[in-house]
Amino acid sequence: MKPSDSGSIAECSRHTHTSRVRVRYGETDAMGRVYYANYFYYFEVGRSDLIRSVWKSYRQMEEEGLILPVVEAACKYVRGARYEDEIDVHSILSMPSRFRLRFDYEVRHAESRELLARGHTEHCFIDEAGKPMRIPGDLREALA
């Protein structure tokens, strides 16, 4: 495993990526479990690490006028992680159309491999004016 720019520990293969994150105290709720909305932050870590590993960073995209907003998001919660747990965010990238990217995620406890959450996000590229655009050719080529 190697450190990534997000501060996570990451492994990757062609269209998949695994990012390791340690749960911080501020990410937990009064019951001592990760607050449900924070799983979407873990998805973001996985997504950012994955897209950087196959193409370029979000910062580079935005500097080039490319914006990749979420158009759909879902999460199924199975079991809650706790403060100081190390979790692995497994991310898989696919292109369901010429306009959308889909990221599927599994969040697992790093030591026990127990499934904690599963979800996905879908994104479409838009230009600076907010107009939808096709997935850039160089990204399509990188994923081919």
N, C-alpha and C. Protein backbone atom coordinates (compact mmCIF):
# COMPACT_ATOMS: atom_id res chain seq x y z
N MET A 1 0.84 -1.19 0.00
CA MET A 1 0.00 0.00 0.00
C MET A 1 0.87 1.24 0.00
N LYS A 2 0.34 2.30 -0.56
CA LYS A 2 1.09 3.55 -0.63
C LYS A 2 0.22 4.70 -0.18
N PRO A 3 0.81 5.74 0.41
CA PRO A 3 0.01 6.90 0.79
C PRO A 3 -0.48 7.64 -0.45
N SER A 4 -1.69 8.17 -0.38
CA SER A 4 -2.23 8.96 -1.49
C SER A 4 -2.29 10.43 -1.06
N ASP A 5 -2.64 11.29 -2.00
CA ASP A 5 -2.73 12.71 -1.69
C ASP A 5 -3.83 13.03 -0.68
N SER A 6 -4.81 12.14 -0.52
CA SER A 6 -5.91 12.40 0.41
C SER A 6 -5.52 12.09 1.85
N GLY A 7 -4.34 11.51 2.07
CA GLY A 7 -3.94 11.12 3.40
C GLY A 7 -4.34 9.70 3.73
N SER A 8 -5.03 9.03 2.81
CA SER A 8 -5.41 7.65 3.03
C SER A 8 -4.27 6.75 2.53
N ILE A 9 -4.37 5.48 2.87
CA ILE A 9 -3.46 4.49 2.31
C ILE A 9 -4.22 3.82 1.18
N ALA A 10 -3.60 3.70 0.03
CA ALA A 10 -4.36 3.26 -1.13
C ALA A 10 -3.64 2.18 -1.93
N GLU A 11 -4.44 1.27 -2.51
CA GLU A 11 -3.99 0.28 -3.48
C GLU A 11 -4.87 0.48 -4.70
N CYS A 12 -4.35 0.18 -5.88
CA CYS A 12 -5.25 0.28 -7.03
C CYS A 12 -4.90 -0.73 -8.09
N SER A 13 -5.88 -1.09 -8.88
CA SER A 13 -5.69 -1.81 -10.12
C SER A 13 -6.43 -1.01 -11.17
N ARG A 14 -6.63 -1.52 -12.33
CA ARG A 14 -7.11 -0.74 -13.47
C ARG A 14 -8.31 0.17 -13.20
N HIS A 15 -9.45 -0.35 -12.80
CA HIS A 15 -10.64 0.46 -12.58
C HIS A 15 -11.15 0.35 -11.15
N THR A 16 -10.31 -0.13 -10.27
CA THR A 16 -10.68 -0.27 -8.87
C THR A 16 -9.61 0.37 -8.01
N HIS A 17 -9.99 0.67 -6.81
CA HIS A 17 -9.04 1.32 -5.90
C HIS A 17 -9.48 1.02 -4.47
N THR A 18 -8.52 0.82 -3.59
CA THR A 18 -8.81 0.65 -2.18
C THR A 18 -8.08 1.72 -1.40
N SER A 19 -8.84 2.46 -0.61
CA SER A 19 -8.28 3.54 0.22
C SER A 19 -8.51 3.18 1.68
N ARG A 20 -7.48 3.28 2.50
CA ARG A 20 -7.61 3.01 3.93
C ARG A 20 -7.75 4.33 4.68
N VAL A 21 -8.73 4.36 5.58
CA VAL A 21 -9.03 5.56 6.37
C VAL A 21 -9.16 5.15 7.83
N ARG A 22 -8.65 5.96 8.74
CA ARG A 22 -8.87 5.74 10.17
C ARG A 22 -9.98 6.67 10.62
N VAL A 23 -10.99 6.11 11.29
CA VAL A 23 -12.13 6.90 11.75
C VAL A 23 -11.68 7.88 12.82
N ARG A 24 -12.01 9.15 12.62
CA ARG A 24 -11.68 10.19 13.58
C ARG A 24 -12.85 10.40 14.55
N TYR A 25 -12.55 10.89 15.72
CA TYR A 25 -13.56 11.08 16.76
C TYR A 25 -14.72 11.94 16.26
N GLY A 26 -14.41 13.02 15.55
CA GLY A 26 -15.44 13.94 15.07
C GLY A 26 -16.36 13.34 14.03
N GLU A 27 -16.04 12.15 13.53
CA GLU A 27 -16.89 11.49 12.54
C GLU A 27 -17.93 10.58 13.20
N THR A 28 -17.88 10.47 14.52
CA THR A 28 -18.81 9.58 15.23
C THR A 28 -19.96 10.37 15.84
N ASP A 29 -21.03 9.65 16.16
CA ASP A 29 -22.21 10.26 16.77
C ASP A 29 -22.24 9.95 18.27
N ALA A 30 -23.33 10.32 18.92
CA ALA A 30 -23.46 10.12 20.37
C ALA A 30 -23.44 8.65 20.76
N MET A 31 -23.71 7.75 19.82
CA MET A 31 -23.68 6.31 20.10
C MET A 31 -22.30 5.71 19.87
N GLY A 32 -21.33 6.55 19.49
CA GLY A 32 -19.98 6.07 19.28
C GLY A 32 -19.74 5.41 17.93
N ARG A 33 -20.69 5.53 17.03
CA ARG A 33 -20.59 4.96 15.69
C ARG A 33 -20.39 6.08 14.68
N VAL A 34 -19.85 5.73 13.51
CA VAL A 34 -19.70 6.74 12.46
C VAL A 34 -21.08 7.26 12.09
N TYR A 35 -21.22 8.58 12.11
CA TYR A 35 -22.47 9.24 11.72
C TYR A 35 -22.76 8.89 10.27
N TYR A 36 -23.99 8.56 9.96
CA TYR A 36 -24.35 7.98 8.66
C TYR A 36 -23.89 8.82 7.47
N ALA A 37 -23.99 10.13 7.54
CA ALA A 37 -23.62 10.98 6.41
C ALA A 37 -22.13 10.94 6.11
N ASN A 38 -21.32 10.57 7.09
CA ASN A 38 -19.87 10.54 6.88
C ASN A 38 -19.43 9.43 5.93
N TYR A 39 -20.28 8.43 5.70
CA TYR A 39 -19.92 7.42 4.72
C TYR A 39 -19.78 8.04 3.33
N PHE A 40 -20.54 9.10 3.07
CA PHE A 40 -20.39 9.77 1.77
C PHE A 40 -19.04 10.48 1.68
N TYR A 41 -18.47 10.92 2.80
CA TYR A 41 -17.11 11.46 2.78
C TYR A 41 -16.11 10.35 2.48
N TYR A 42 -16.33 9.16 3.05
CA TYR A 42 -15.45 8.04 2.74
C TYR A 42 -15.55 7.67 1.26
N PHE A 43 -16.77 7.73 0.72
CA PHE A 43 -16.92 7.50 -0.72
C PHE A 43 -16.10 8.51 -1.51
N GLU A 44 -16.12 9.76 -1.06
CA GLU A 44 -15.36 10.81 -1.75
C GLU A 44 -13.87 10.53 -1.73
N VAL A 45 -13.35 10.05 -0.60
CA VAL A 45 -11.93 9.69 -0.52
C VAL A 45 -11.63 8.62 -1.56
N GLY A 46 -12.46 7.57 -1.60
CA GLY A 46 -12.24 6.49 -2.56
C GLY A 46 -12.33 6.97 -3.99
N ARG A 47 -13.33 7.78 -4.28
CA ARG A 47 -13.54 8.31 -5.64
C ARG A 47 -12.36 9.19 -6.07
N SER A 48 -11.93 10.08 -5.19
CA SER A 48 -10.82 10.97 -5.53
C SER A 48 -9.54 10.20 -5.77
N ASP A 49 -9.26 9.22 -4.90
CA ASP A 49 -8.05 8.40 -5.07
C ASP A 49 -8.11 7.61 -6.37
N LEU A 50 -9.28 7.04 -6.67
CA LEU A 50 -9.42 6.23 -7.88
C LEU A 50 -9.26 7.07 -9.14
N ILE A 51 -9.96 8.17 -9.23
CA ILE A 51 -9.88 8.97 -10.46
C ILE A 51 -8.48 9.56 -10.64
N ARG A 52 -7.81 9.90 -9.53
CA ARG A 52 -6.43 10.39 -9.62
C ARG A 52 -5.51 9.28 -10.13
N SER A 53 -5.76 8.04 -9.73
CA SER A 53 -4.88 6.94 -10.12
C SER A 53 -5.02 6.58 -11.60
N VAL A 54 -6.19 6.82 -12.20
CA VAL A 54 -6.37 6.46 -13.60
C VAL A 54 -6.32 7.65 -14.55
N TRP A 55 -6.44 8.87 -14.02
CA TRP A 55 -6.53 10.02 -14.92
C TRP A 55 -5.81 11.23 -14.37
N LYS A 56 -6.48 12.01 -13.53
CA LYS A 56 -5.91 13.23 -12.97
C LYS A 56 -6.67 13.60 -11.70
N SER A 57 -6.15 14.55 -10.96
CA SER A 57 -6.80 14.95 -9.70
C SER A 57 -7.99 15.85 -9.97
N TYR A 58 -8.87 15.92 -8.98
CA TYR A 58 -10.01 16.83 -9.08
C TYR A 58 -9.52 18.27 -9.25
N ARG A 59 -8.46 18.63 -8.59
CA ARG A 59 -7.93 19.99 -8.72
C ARG A 59 -7.55 20.27 -10.17
N GLN A 60 -6.85 19.32 -10.80
CA GLN A 60 -6.48 19.51 -12.21
C GLN A 60 -7.71 19.63 -13.09
N MET A 61 -8.73 18.79 -12.83
CA MET A 61 -9.96 18.86 -13.62
C MET A 61 -10.58 20.25 -13.52
N GLU A 62 -10.70 20.74 -12.30
CA GLU A 62 -11.34 22.03 -12.10
C GLU A 62 -10.53 23.16 -12.71
N GLU A 63 -9.18 23.06 -12.64
CA GLU A 63 -8.34 24.07 -13.29
C GLU A 63 -8.55 24.08 -14.80
N GLU A 64 -8.96 22.94 -15.35
CA GLU A 64 -9.22 22.83 -16.79
C GLU A 64 -10.68 23.15 -17.12
N GLY A 65 -11.45 23.57 -16.12
CA GLY A 65 -12.84 23.94 -16.35
C GLY A 65 -13.81 22.78 -16.35
N LEU A 66 -13.38 21.61 -15.88
CA LEU A 66 -14.24 20.44 -15.81
C LEU A 66 -14.79 20.29 -14.39
N ILE A 67 -16.08 20.09 -14.29
CA ILE A 67 -16.72 19.92 -12.99
C ILE A 67 -17.46 18.60 -13.04
N LEU A 68 -17.41 17.82 -11.96
CA LEU A 68 -17.98 16.48 -11.93
C LEU A 68 -18.93 16.34 -10.75
N PRO A 69 -20.13 16.97 -10.82
CA PRO A 69 -21.04 16.90 -9.68
C PRO A 69 -21.71 15.53 -9.55
N VAL A 70 -22.16 15.25 -8.34
CA VAL A 70 -22.95 14.06 -8.06
C VAL A 70 -24.36 14.31 -8.57
N VAL A 71 -24.90 13.35 -9.33
CA VAL A 71 -26.29 13.45 -9.78
C VAL A 71 -27.17 12.39 -9.13
N GLU A 72 -26.54 11.40 -8.47
CA GLU A 72 -27.28 10.37 -7.75
C GLU A 72 -26.36 9.78 -6.70
N ALA A 73 -26.91 9.49 -5.53
CA ALA A 73 -26.11 8.89 -4.46
C ALA A 73 -26.99 7.98 -3.63
N ALA A 74 -26.41 6.86 -3.19
CA ALA A 74 -27.14 5.94 -2.33
C ALA A 74 -26.16 5.22 -1.42
N CYS A 75 -26.65 4.82 -0.25
CA CYS A 75 -25.82 4.07 0.68
C CYS A 75 -26.71 3.12 1.48
N LYS A 76 -26.28 1.87 1.59
CA LYS A 76 -26.94 0.89 2.44
C LYS A 76 -25.99 0.65 3.61
N TYR A 77 -26.50 0.89 4.79
CA TYR A 77 -25.70 0.75 6.01
C TYR A 77 -25.90 -0.64 6.58
N VAL A 78 -24.80 -1.31 6.89
CA VAL A 78 -24.86 -2.67 7.39
C VAL A 78 -24.46 -2.73 8.86
N ARG A 79 -23.36 -2.11 9.18
CA ARG A 79 -22.83 -2.13 10.55
C ARG A 79 -21.98 -0.88 10.74
N GLY A 80 -22.03 -0.30 11.89
CA GLY A 80 -21.31 0.95 12.11
C GLY A 80 -19.85 0.78 12.52
N ALA A 81 -19.00 1.60 11.93
CA ALA A 81 -17.60 1.66 12.36
C ALA A 81 -17.52 2.55 13.60
N ARG A 82 -16.43 2.40 14.36
CA ARG A 82 -16.23 3.16 15.60
C ARG A 82 -14.95 3.99 15.51
N TYR A 83 -14.84 4.93 16.43
CA TYR A 83 -13.64 5.76 16.54
C TYR A 83 -12.39 4.89 16.56
N GLU A 84 -11.39 5.30 15.80
CA GLU A 84 -10.08 4.64 15.68
C GLU A 84 -10.10 3.39 14.82
N ASP A 85 -11.27 2.91 14.37
CA ASP A 85 -11.28 1.77 13.45
C ASP A 85 -10.59 2.18 12.16
N GLU A 86 -9.86 1.24 11.58
CA GLU A 86 -9.36 1.44 10.23
C GLU A 86 -10.35 0.78 9.29
N ILE A 87 -10.73 1.53 8.26
CA ILE A 87 -11.68 1.01 7.29
C ILE A 87 -11.08 1.10 5.89
N ASP A 88 -11.48 0.17 5.05
CA ASP A 88 -11.07 0.18 3.65
C ASP A 88 -12.26 0.55 2.80
N VAL A 89 -12.05 1.52 1.92
CA VAL A 89 -13.07 1.95 0.98
C VAL A 89 -12.67 1.38 -0.38
N HIS A 90 -13.43 0.38 -0.83
CA HIS A 90 -13.18 -0.24 -2.13
C HIS A 90 -14.06 0.48 -3.15
N SER A 91 -13.45 1.02 -4.18
CA SER A 91 -14.17 1.80 -5.20
C SER A 91 -13.98 1.16 -6.56
N ILE A 92 -15.04 1.15 -7.34
CA ILE A 92 -15.02 0.61 -8.70
C ILE A 92 -15.62 1.67 -9.62
N LEU A 93 -14.95 1.94 -10.73
CA LEU A 93 -15.39 2.96 -11.68
C LEU A 93 -15.91 2.30 -12.94
N SER A 94 -17.08 2.77 -13.41
CA SER A 94 -17.62 2.31 -14.69
C SER A 94 -18.23 3.51 -15.41
N MET A 95 -18.48 3.33 -16.70
CA MET A 95 -19.10 4.37 -17.52
C MET A 95 -20.41 3.81 -18.08
N PRO A 96 -21.53 4.06 -17.42
CA PRO A 96 -22.80 3.52 -17.92
C PRO A 96 -23.31 4.20 -19.19
N SER A 97 -22.77 5.37 -19.52
CA SER A 97 -23.17 6.06 -20.75
C SER A 97 -22.04 6.98 -21.18
N ARG A 98 -22.23 7.68 -22.29
CA ARG A 98 -21.21 8.63 -22.77
C ARG A 98 -21.15 9.88 -21.92
N PHE A 99 -22.14 10.03 -21.03
CA PHE A 99 -22.24 11.25 -20.23
C PHE A 99 -22.03 11.02 -18.73
N ARG A 100 -22.08 9.79 -18.28
CA ARG A 100 -22.03 9.52 -16.84
C ARG A 100 -20.90 8.59 -16.43
N LEU A 101 -20.41 8.86 -15.23
CA LEU A 101 -19.49 7.95 -14.54
C LEU A 101 -20.23 7.41 -13.33
N ARG A 102 -20.01 6.15 -13.02
CA ARG A 102 -20.59 5.54 -11.83
C ARG A 102 -19.46 4.96 -10.99
N PHE A 103 -19.52 5.25 -9.70
CA PHE A 103 -18.59 4.70 -8.74
C PHE A 103 -19.39 3.84 -7.76
N ASP A 104 -19.01 2.59 -7.61
CA ASP A 104 -19.60 1.70 -6.62
C ASP A 104 -18.60 1.55 -5.49
N TYR A 105 -19.12 1.47 -4.26
CA TYR A 105 -18.26 1.45 -3.08
C TYR A 105 -18.66 0.34 -2.13
N GLU A 106 -17.67 -0.24 -1.48
CA GLU A 106 -17.87 -1.09 -0.32
C GLU A 106 -16.94 -0.56 0.75
N VAL A 107 -17.49 -0.36 1.94
CA VAL A 107 -16.67 0.05 3.08
C VAL A 107 -16.60 -1.14 4.01
N ARG A 108 -15.38 -1.58 4.30
CA ARG A 108 -15.16 -2.75 5.14
C ARG A 108 -14.22 -2.42 6.28
N HIS A 109 -14.43 -3.11 7.40
CA HIS A 109 -13.49 -3.00 8.52
C HIS A 109 -12.18 -3.60 8.04
N ALA A 110 -11.07 -2.89 8.19
CA ALA A 110 -9.79 -3.30 7.62
C ALA A 110 -9.31 -4.63 8.19
N GLU A 111 -9.48 -4.84 9.48
CA GLU A 111 -8.95 -6.05 10.11
C GLU A 111 -9.88 -7.26 9.90
N SER A 112 -11.15 -7.09 10.20
CA SER A 112 -12.08 -8.23 10.14
C SER A 112 -12.65 -8.46 8.74
N ARG A 113 -12.54 -7.48 7.85
CA ARG A 113 -13.10 -7.50 6.50
C ARG A 113 -14.62 -7.46 6.50
N GLU A 114 -15.23 -7.21 7.66
CA GLU A 114 -16.68 -7.14 7.78
C GLU A 114 -17.23 -5.97 6.96
N LEU A 115 -18.30 -6.22 6.22
CA LEU A 115 -18.95 -5.19 5.43
C LEU A 115 -19.65 -4.20 6.35
N LEU A 116 -19.35 -2.91 6.19
CA LEU A 116 -19.96 -1.85 7.00
C LEU A 116 -21.02 -1.09 6.20
N ALA A 117 -20.74 -0.83 4.94
CA ALA A 117 -21.68 -0.08 4.09
C ALA A 117 -21.37 -0.38 2.64
N ARG A 118 -22.38 -0.19 1.81
CA ARG A 118 -22.25 -0.37 0.38
C ARG A 118 -23.03 0.76 -0.28
N GLY A 119 -22.50 1.33 -1.36
CA GLY A 119 -23.23 2.40 -2.01
C GLY A 119 -22.70 2.72 -3.39
N HIS A 120 -23.24 3.79 -3.94
CA HIS A 120 -22.77 4.24 -5.25
C HIS A 120 -23.04 5.73 -5.40
N THR A 121 -22.31 6.33 -6.31
CA THR A 121 -22.59 7.70 -6.75
C THR A 121 -22.49 7.71 -8.27
N GLU A 122 -23.33 8.53 -8.89
CA GLU A 122 -23.22 8.77 -10.34
C GLU A 122 -22.95 10.24 -10.55
N HIS A 123 -22.15 10.51 -11.58
CA HIS A 123 -21.69 11.87 -11.86
C HIS A 123 -21.79 12.13 -13.35
N CYS A 124 -21.95 13.40 -13.68
CA CYS A 124 -21.83 13.80 -15.09
C CYS A 124 -20.93 15.03 -15.13
N PHE A 125 -20.15 15.13 -16.18
CA PHE A 125 -19.31 16.31 -16.35
C PHE A 125 -20.17 17.47 -16.81
N ILE A 126 -19.86 18.64 -16.29
CA ILE A 126 -20.48 19.88 -16.77
C ILE A 126 -19.37 20.89 -17.01
N ASP A 127 -19.64 21.81 -17.91
CA ASP A 127 -18.67 22.88 -18.15
C ASP A 127 -18.92 24.00 -17.14
N GLU A 128 -18.14 25.06 -17.22
CA GLU A 128 -18.25 26.15 -16.26
C GLU A 128 -19.60 26.85 -16.29
N ALA A 129 -20.33 26.72 -17.41
CA ALA A 129 -21.66 27.31 -17.53
C ALA A 129 -22.75 26.38 -16.99
N GLY A 130 -22.35 25.17 -16.55
CA GLY A 130 -23.31 24.23 -16.01
C GLY A 130 -23.95 23.32 -17.04
N LYS A 131 -23.44 23.34 -18.27
CA LYS A 131 -24.00 22.54 -19.35
C LYS A 131 -23.38 21.14 -19.33
N PRO A 132 -24.23 20.07 -19.36
CA PRO A 132 -23.68 18.71 -19.39
C PRO A 132 -22.81 18.50 -20.61
N MET A 133 -21.78 17.70 -20.44
CA MET A 133 -20.88 17.40 -21.54
C MET A 133 -20.47 15.93 -21.50
N ARG A 134 -20.00 15.43 -22.63
CA ARG A 134 -19.55 14.04 -22.70
C ARG A 134 -18.32 13.83 -21.83
N ILE A 135 -18.12 12.59 -21.45
CA ILE A 135 -16.92 12.22 -20.71
C ILE A 135 -15.72 12.54 -21.61
N PRO A 136 -14.73 13.26 -21.09
CA PRO A 136 -13.57 13.63 -21.91
C PRO A 136 -12.91 12.40 -22.55
N GLY A 137 -12.48 12.57 -23.80
CA GLY A 137 -11.88 11.49 -24.56
C GLY A 137 -10.68 10.86 -23.89
N ASP A 138 -9.82 11.68 -23.27
CA ASP A 138 -8.63 11.10 -22.64
C ASP A 138 -8.98 10.24 -21.43
N LEU A 139 -10.08 10.55 -20.74
CA LEU A 139 -10.53 9.70 -19.64
C LEU A 139 -11.10 8.40 -20.20
N ARG A 140 -11.91 8.49 -21.25
CA ARG A 140 -12.45 7.27 -21.88
C ARG A 140 -11.32 6.36 -22.32
N GLU A 141 -10.27 6.95 -22.89
CA GLU A 141 -9.11 6.16 -23.33
C GLU A 141 -8.39 5.53 -22.16
N ALA A 142 -8.25 6.27 -21.06
CA ALA A 142 -7.58 5.74 -19.87
C ALA A 142 -8.33 4.56 -19.27
N LEU A 143 -9.65 4.55 -19.45
CA LEU A 143 -10.47 3.48 -18.89
C LEU A 143 -10.70 2.31 -19.84
N ALA A 144 -10.24 2.49 -21.10
CA ALA A 144 -10.45 1.44 -22.11
C ALA A 144 -9.61 0.21 -21.83
